[in-house]
Amino acid sequence: MLDQNDKLALCIIRDLFDSGSVSKRSGNLTTFRYTVDGYTSLGPILSYFNLFPLKTIKQQAFIKWSEVHSLLLAKKHLDIDGLTNIKLLAKLINDKSDIV
């Protein structure tokens, strides 16, 4: 999900990735949301950020998120060890304690 006040910007992003939808946020008059549902639909987004890496600490979050995505696609969430690993990584996605 990505929220912005500029609907056109979100539509351009949707068209860039050729997936997802743009809608008005419920309960908010000025904010729109770009949403991509399903882990199999995230391929173009992963490819884009692998080709054009983020230049902020969000890159670390992306790397962890990408690993969770790979584990889910590999169906590792179906066994207890894999699910435990996914939960641990998910908690660390926006953890800034390991940033130097």
N, C-alpha and C. Protein backbone atom coordinates (compact mmCIF):
# COMPACT_ATOMS: atom_id res chain seq x y z
N MET A 1 0.83 -1.18 0.00
CA MET A 1 0.00 0.00 0.00
C MET A 1 0.88 1.25 0.00
N LEU A 2 0.41 2.25 -0.71
CA LEU A 2 1.10 3.53 -0.75
C LEU A 2 0.03 4.61 -0.75
N ASP A 3 0.10 5.53 0.20
CA ASP A 3 -0.87 6.62 0.31
C ASP A 3 -0.25 7.93 -0.13
N GLN A 4 -1.02 8.71 -0.90
CA GLN A 4 -0.59 10.02 -1.36
C GLN A 4 -1.82 10.90 -1.55
N ASN A 5 -1.61 12.20 -1.54
CA ASN A 5 -2.70 13.12 -1.86
C ASN A 5 -2.84 13.32 -3.36
N ASP A 6 -1.86 12.89 -4.13
CA ASP A 6 -1.84 13.09 -5.57
C ASP A 6 -2.26 11.80 -6.28
N LYS A 7 -3.52 11.77 -6.73
CA LYS A 7 -4.04 10.58 -7.39
C LYS A 7 -3.29 10.28 -8.68
N LEU A 8 -2.94 11.30 -9.44
CA LEU A 8 -2.24 11.10 -10.71
C LEU A 8 -0.90 10.39 -10.50
N ALA A 9 -0.16 10.79 -9.46
CA ALA A 9 1.13 10.14 -9.17
C ALA A 9 0.93 8.65 -8.90
N LEU A 10 -0.11 8.31 -8.16
CA LEU A 10 -0.37 6.90 -7.87
C LEU A 10 -0.79 6.14 -9.13
N CYS A 11 -1.53 6.80 -10.00
CA CYS A 11 -1.92 6.16 -11.27
C CYS A 11 -0.70 5.90 -12.15
N ILE A 12 0.25 6.81 -12.14
CA ILE A 12 1.48 6.62 -12.91
C ILE A 12 2.26 5.43 -12.35
N ILE A 13 2.32 5.32 -11.03
CA ILE A 13 3.00 4.18 -10.40
C ILE A 13 2.28 2.88 -10.75
N ARG A 14 0.95 2.88 -10.68
CA ARG A 14 0.17 1.69 -11.05
C ARG A 14 0.48 1.28 -12.49
N ASP A 15 0.53 2.25 -13.38
CA ASP A 15 0.81 1.95 -14.78
C ASP A 15 2.25 1.48 -14.99
N LEU A 16 3.19 2.03 -14.23
CA LEU A 16 4.59 1.61 -14.31
C LEU A 16 4.73 0.13 -13.99
N PHE A 17 4.04 -0.31 -12.93
CA PHE A 17 4.14 -1.70 -12.49
C PHE A 17 3.11 -2.60 -13.16
N ASP A 18 2.18 -2.01 -13.89
CA ASP A 18 1.14 -2.76 -14.58
C ASP A 18 0.40 -3.71 -13.64
N SER A 19 0.17 -3.24 -12.41
CA SER A 19 -0.60 -4.04 -11.45
C SER A 19 -1.10 -3.12 -10.34
N GLY A 20 -2.10 -3.60 -9.64
CA GLY A 20 -2.63 -2.86 -8.51
C GLY A 20 -3.80 -1.97 -8.89
N SER A 21 -4.26 -1.21 -7.89
CA SER A 21 -5.39 -0.31 -8.10
C SER A 21 -5.20 0.95 -7.26
N VAL A 22 -5.86 2.01 -7.70
CA VAL A 22 -5.85 3.28 -6.98
C VAL A 22 -7.27 3.58 -6.56
N SER A 23 -7.44 3.91 -5.28
CA SER A 23 -8.77 4.22 -4.76
C SER A 23 -8.66 5.33 -3.74
N LYS A 24 -9.81 5.94 -3.46
CA LYS A 24 -9.87 6.97 -2.43
C LYS A 24 -9.85 6.28 -1.08
N ARG A 25 -9.08 6.80 -0.16
CA ARG A 25 -9.04 6.22 1.19
C ARG A 25 -10.35 6.47 1.89
N SER A 26 -10.90 5.45 2.46
CA SER A 26 -12.17 5.62 3.15
C SER A 26 -11.99 6.52 4.37
N GLY A 27 -12.93 7.41 4.56
CA GLY A 27 -12.89 8.31 5.70
C GLY A 27 -11.95 9.49 5.53
N ASN A 28 -11.34 9.63 4.35
CA ASN A 28 -10.41 10.73 4.12
C ASN A 28 -10.76 11.38 2.80
N LEU A 29 -10.91 12.69 2.80
CA LEU A 29 -11.36 13.40 1.60
C LEU A 29 -10.26 13.65 0.59
N THR A 30 -9.00 13.64 1.02
CA THR A 30 -7.93 14.07 0.12
C THR A 30 -6.86 13.02 -0.16
N THR A 31 -6.96 11.87 0.46
CA THR A 31 -5.90 10.88 0.32
C THR A 31 -6.35 9.70 -0.55
N PHE A 32 -5.44 9.28 -1.42
CA PHE A 32 -5.68 8.14 -2.28
C PHE A 32 -4.69 7.04 -1.91
N ARG A 33 -5.04 5.80 -2.26
CA ARG A 33 -4.21 4.65 -1.91
C ARG A 33 -3.98 3.78 -3.13
N TYR A 34 -2.69 3.44 -3.35
CA TYR A 34 -2.30 2.46 -4.36
C TYR A 34 -2.11 1.14 -3.63
N THR A 35 -2.78 0.10 -4.11
CA THR A 35 -2.72 -1.20 -3.45
C THR A 35 -2.42 -2.29 -4.47
N VAL A 36 -1.53 -3.19 -4.08
CA VAL A 36 -1.27 -4.41 -4.86
C VAL A 36 -1.59 -5.57 -3.94
N ASP A 37 -2.49 -6.42 -4.38
CA ASP A 37 -2.90 -7.57 -3.58
C ASP A 37 -2.23 -8.84 -4.10
N GLY A 38 -1.82 -9.68 -3.18
CA GLY A 38 -1.28 -10.98 -3.55
C GLY A 38 0.22 -10.96 -3.79
N TYR A 39 0.90 -11.92 -3.21
CA TYR A 39 2.36 -11.99 -3.32
C TYR A 39 2.82 -12.28 -4.75
N THR A 40 2.00 -12.94 -5.53
CA THR A 40 2.43 -13.24 -6.89
C THR A 40 2.36 -12.01 -7.79
N SER A 41 1.62 -10.97 -7.38
CA SER A 41 1.50 -9.74 -8.18
C SER A 41 2.63 -8.75 -7.91
N LEU A 42 3.50 -9.07 -6.99
CA LEU A 42 4.54 -8.12 -6.57
C LEU A 42 5.83 -8.22 -7.38
N GLY A 43 5.90 -9.13 -8.32
CA GLY A 43 7.10 -9.32 -9.12
C GLY A 43 7.63 -8.06 -9.78
N PRO A 44 6.78 -7.28 -10.46
CA PRO A 44 7.28 -6.06 -11.10
C PRO A 44 7.86 -5.05 -10.11
N ILE A 45 7.27 -4.98 -8.93
CA ILE A 45 7.77 -4.04 -7.91
C ILE A 45 9.13 -4.50 -7.40
N LEU A 46 9.26 -5.79 -7.15
CA LEU A 46 10.56 -6.34 -6.71
C LEU A 46 11.62 -6.10 -7.77
N SER A 47 11.29 -6.37 -9.02
CA SER A 47 12.25 -6.17 -10.11
C SER A 47 12.69 -4.71 -10.19
N TYR A 48 11.75 -3.81 -10.04
CA TYR A 48 12.05 -2.38 -10.13
C TYR A 48 13.04 -1.96 -9.04
N PHE A 49 12.76 -2.36 -7.79
CA PHE A 49 13.62 -1.93 -6.70
C PHE A 49 14.93 -2.72 -6.63
N ASN A 50 15.00 -3.84 -7.30
CA ASN A 50 16.30 -4.52 -7.45
C ASN A 50 17.14 -3.80 -8.50
N LEU A 51 16.48 -3.28 -9.53
CA LEU A 51 17.17 -2.54 -10.59
C LEU A 51 17.55 -1.12 -10.15
N PHE A 52 16.67 -0.51 -9.37
CA PHE A 52 16.87 0.86 -8.87
C PHE A 52 16.78 0.85 -7.34
N PRO A 53 17.85 0.46 -6.65
CA PRO A 53 17.81 0.34 -5.18
C PRO A 53 17.49 1.67 -4.51
N LEU A 54 16.79 1.57 -3.41
CA LEU A 54 16.48 2.73 -2.60
C LEU A 54 17.78 3.30 -2.03
N LYS A 55 17.80 4.60 -1.80
CA LYS A 55 19.01 5.27 -1.31
C LYS A 55 18.91 5.66 0.16
N THR A 56 17.90 5.16 0.84
CA THR A 56 17.68 5.51 2.25
C THR A 56 17.70 4.23 3.08
N ILE A 57 17.42 4.36 4.38
CA ILE A 57 17.38 3.17 5.24
C ILE A 57 16.22 2.26 4.85
N LYS A 58 15.32 2.73 4.02
CA LYS A 58 14.24 1.88 3.52
C LYS A 58 14.78 0.72 2.68
N GLN A 59 16.00 0.84 2.18
CA GLN A 59 16.61 -0.26 1.42
C GLN A 59 16.76 -1.49 2.31
N GLN A 60 17.12 -1.28 3.57
CA GLN A 60 17.25 -2.41 4.50
C GLN A 60 15.90 -3.06 4.73
N ALA A 61 14.85 -2.25 4.85
CA ALA A 61 13.50 -2.80 5.00
C ALA A 61 13.10 -3.57 3.75
N PHE A 62 13.44 -3.04 2.59
CA PHE A 62 13.12 -3.71 1.33
C PHE A 62 13.79 -5.08 1.24
N ILE A 63 15.05 -5.15 1.64
CA ILE A 63 15.79 -6.42 1.59
C ILE A 63 15.10 -7.46 2.47
N LYS A 64 14.71 -7.06 3.67
CA LYS A 64 14.03 -8.00 4.58
C LYS A 64 12.66 -8.39 4.03
N TRP A 65 11.93 -7.40 3.50
CA TRP A 65 10.61 -7.66 2.93
C TRP A 65 10.73 -8.60 1.74
N SER A 66 11.75 -8.41 0.92
CA SER A 66 11.97 -9.25 -0.24
C SER A 66 12.25 -10.70 0.18
N GLU A 67 12.97 -10.85 1.27
CA GLU A 67 13.25 -12.20 1.78
C GLU A 67 11.97 -12.86 2.27
N VAL A 68 11.12 -12.11 2.97
CA VAL A 68 9.84 -12.65 3.41
C VAL A 68 9.01 -13.06 2.19
N HIS A 69 9.00 -12.23 1.19
CA HIS A 69 8.26 -12.52 -0.04
C HIS A 69 8.75 -13.84 -0.66
N SER A 70 10.05 -14.01 -0.75
CA SER A 70 10.62 -15.24 -1.31
C SER A 70 10.23 -16.47 -0.50
N LEU A 71 10.26 -16.34 0.81
CA LEU A 71 9.90 -17.46 1.68
C LEU A 71 8.42 -17.83 1.51
N LEU A 72 7.57 -16.83 1.37
CA LEU A 72 6.15 -17.11 1.17
C LEU A 72 5.91 -17.79 -0.18
N LEU A 73 6.57 -17.30 -1.21
CA LEU A 73 6.43 -17.94 -2.53
C LEU A 73 6.91 -19.38 -2.51
N ALA A 74 7.93 -19.65 -1.69
CA ALA A 74 8.47 -21.01 -1.57
C ALA A 74 7.64 -21.86 -0.59
N LYS A 75 6.53 -21.28 -0.11
CA LYS A 75 5.60 -21.97 0.80
C LYS A 75 6.24 -22.38 2.13
N LYS A 76 7.26 -21.62 2.55
CA LYS A 76 7.92 -21.92 3.82
C LYS A 76 7.01 -21.62 5.01
N HIS A 77 5.98 -20.82 4.79
CA HIS A 77 5.04 -20.50 5.87
C HIS A 77 4.19 -21.71 6.27
N LEU A 78 4.27 -22.79 5.51
CA LEU A 78 3.46 -23.96 5.79
C LEU A 78 4.09 -24.90 6.81
N ASP A 79 5.36 -24.66 7.18
CA ASP A 79 5.95 -25.46 8.26
C ASP A 79 6.35 -24.52 9.40
N ILE A 80 6.43 -25.05 10.58
CA ILE A 80 6.60 -24.25 11.79
C ILE A 80 7.91 -23.47 11.78
N ASP A 81 9.01 -24.08 11.33
CA ASP A 81 10.29 -23.38 11.29
C ASP A 81 10.26 -22.22 10.30
N GLY A 82 9.68 -22.46 9.14
CA GLY A 82 9.57 -21.41 8.14
C GLY A 82 8.69 -20.27 8.61
N LEU A 83 7.56 -20.61 9.23
CA LEU A 83 6.66 -19.58 9.74
C LEU A 83 7.32 -18.76 10.85
N THR A 84 8.07 -19.42 11.70
CA THR A 84 8.78 -18.71 12.77
C THR A 84 9.80 -17.75 12.17
N ASN A 85 10.53 -18.18 11.16
CA ASN A 85 11.51 -17.34 10.49
C ASN A 85 10.84 -16.14 9.82
N ILE A 86 9.71 -16.37 9.16
CA ILE A 86 8.99 -15.30 8.50
C ILE A 86 8.50 -14.27 9.51
N LYS A 87 7.98 -14.74 10.63
CA LYS A 87 7.49 -13.81 11.67
C LYS A 87 8.64 -12.97 12.22
N LEU A 88 9.79 -13.59 12.43
CA LEU A 88 10.96 -12.86 12.92
C LEU A 88 11.39 -11.79 11.93
N LEU A 89 11.51 -12.16 10.66
CA LEU A 89 11.90 -11.20 9.63
C LEU A 89 10.87 -10.07 9.51
N ALA A 90 9.59 -10.41 9.58
CA ALA A 90 8.54 -9.40 9.46
C ALA A 90 8.64 -8.36 10.58
N LYS A 91 8.97 -8.80 11.78
CA LYS A 91 9.13 -7.87 12.90
C LYS A 91 10.33 -6.94 12.69
N LEU A 92 11.32 -7.42 11.96
CA LEU A 92 12.54 -6.65 11.76
C LEU A 92 12.48 -5.71 10.56
N ILE A 93 11.43 -5.78 9.76
CA ILE A 93 11.38 -5.01 8.52
C ILE A 93 11.61 -3.52 8.75
N ASN A 94 10.96 -2.93 9.71
CA ASN A 94 11.14 -1.49 9.96
C ASN A 94 11.90 -1.21 11.24
N ASP A 95 12.62 -2.21 11.72
CA ASP A 95 13.44 -2.05 12.92
C ASP A 95 14.71 -1.27 12.58
N LYS A 96 14.89 -0.15 13.23
CA LYS A 96 16.06 0.69 12.94
C LYS A 96 17.19 0.48 13.93
N SER A 97 17.06 -0.49 14.83
CA SER A 97 18.09 -0.68 15.85
C SER A 97 19.40 -1.22 15.27
N ASP A 98 19.32 -1.86 14.08
CA ASP A 98 20.56 -2.41 13.49
C ASP A 98 21.20 -1.45 12.49
N ILE A 99 20.68 -0.23 12.40
CA ILE A 99 21.23 0.79 11.49
C ILE A 99 22.39 1.49 12.18
N VAL A 100 23.51 1.58 11.50
CA VAL A 100 24.71 2.22 12.08
C VAL A 100 24.66 3.69 11.77
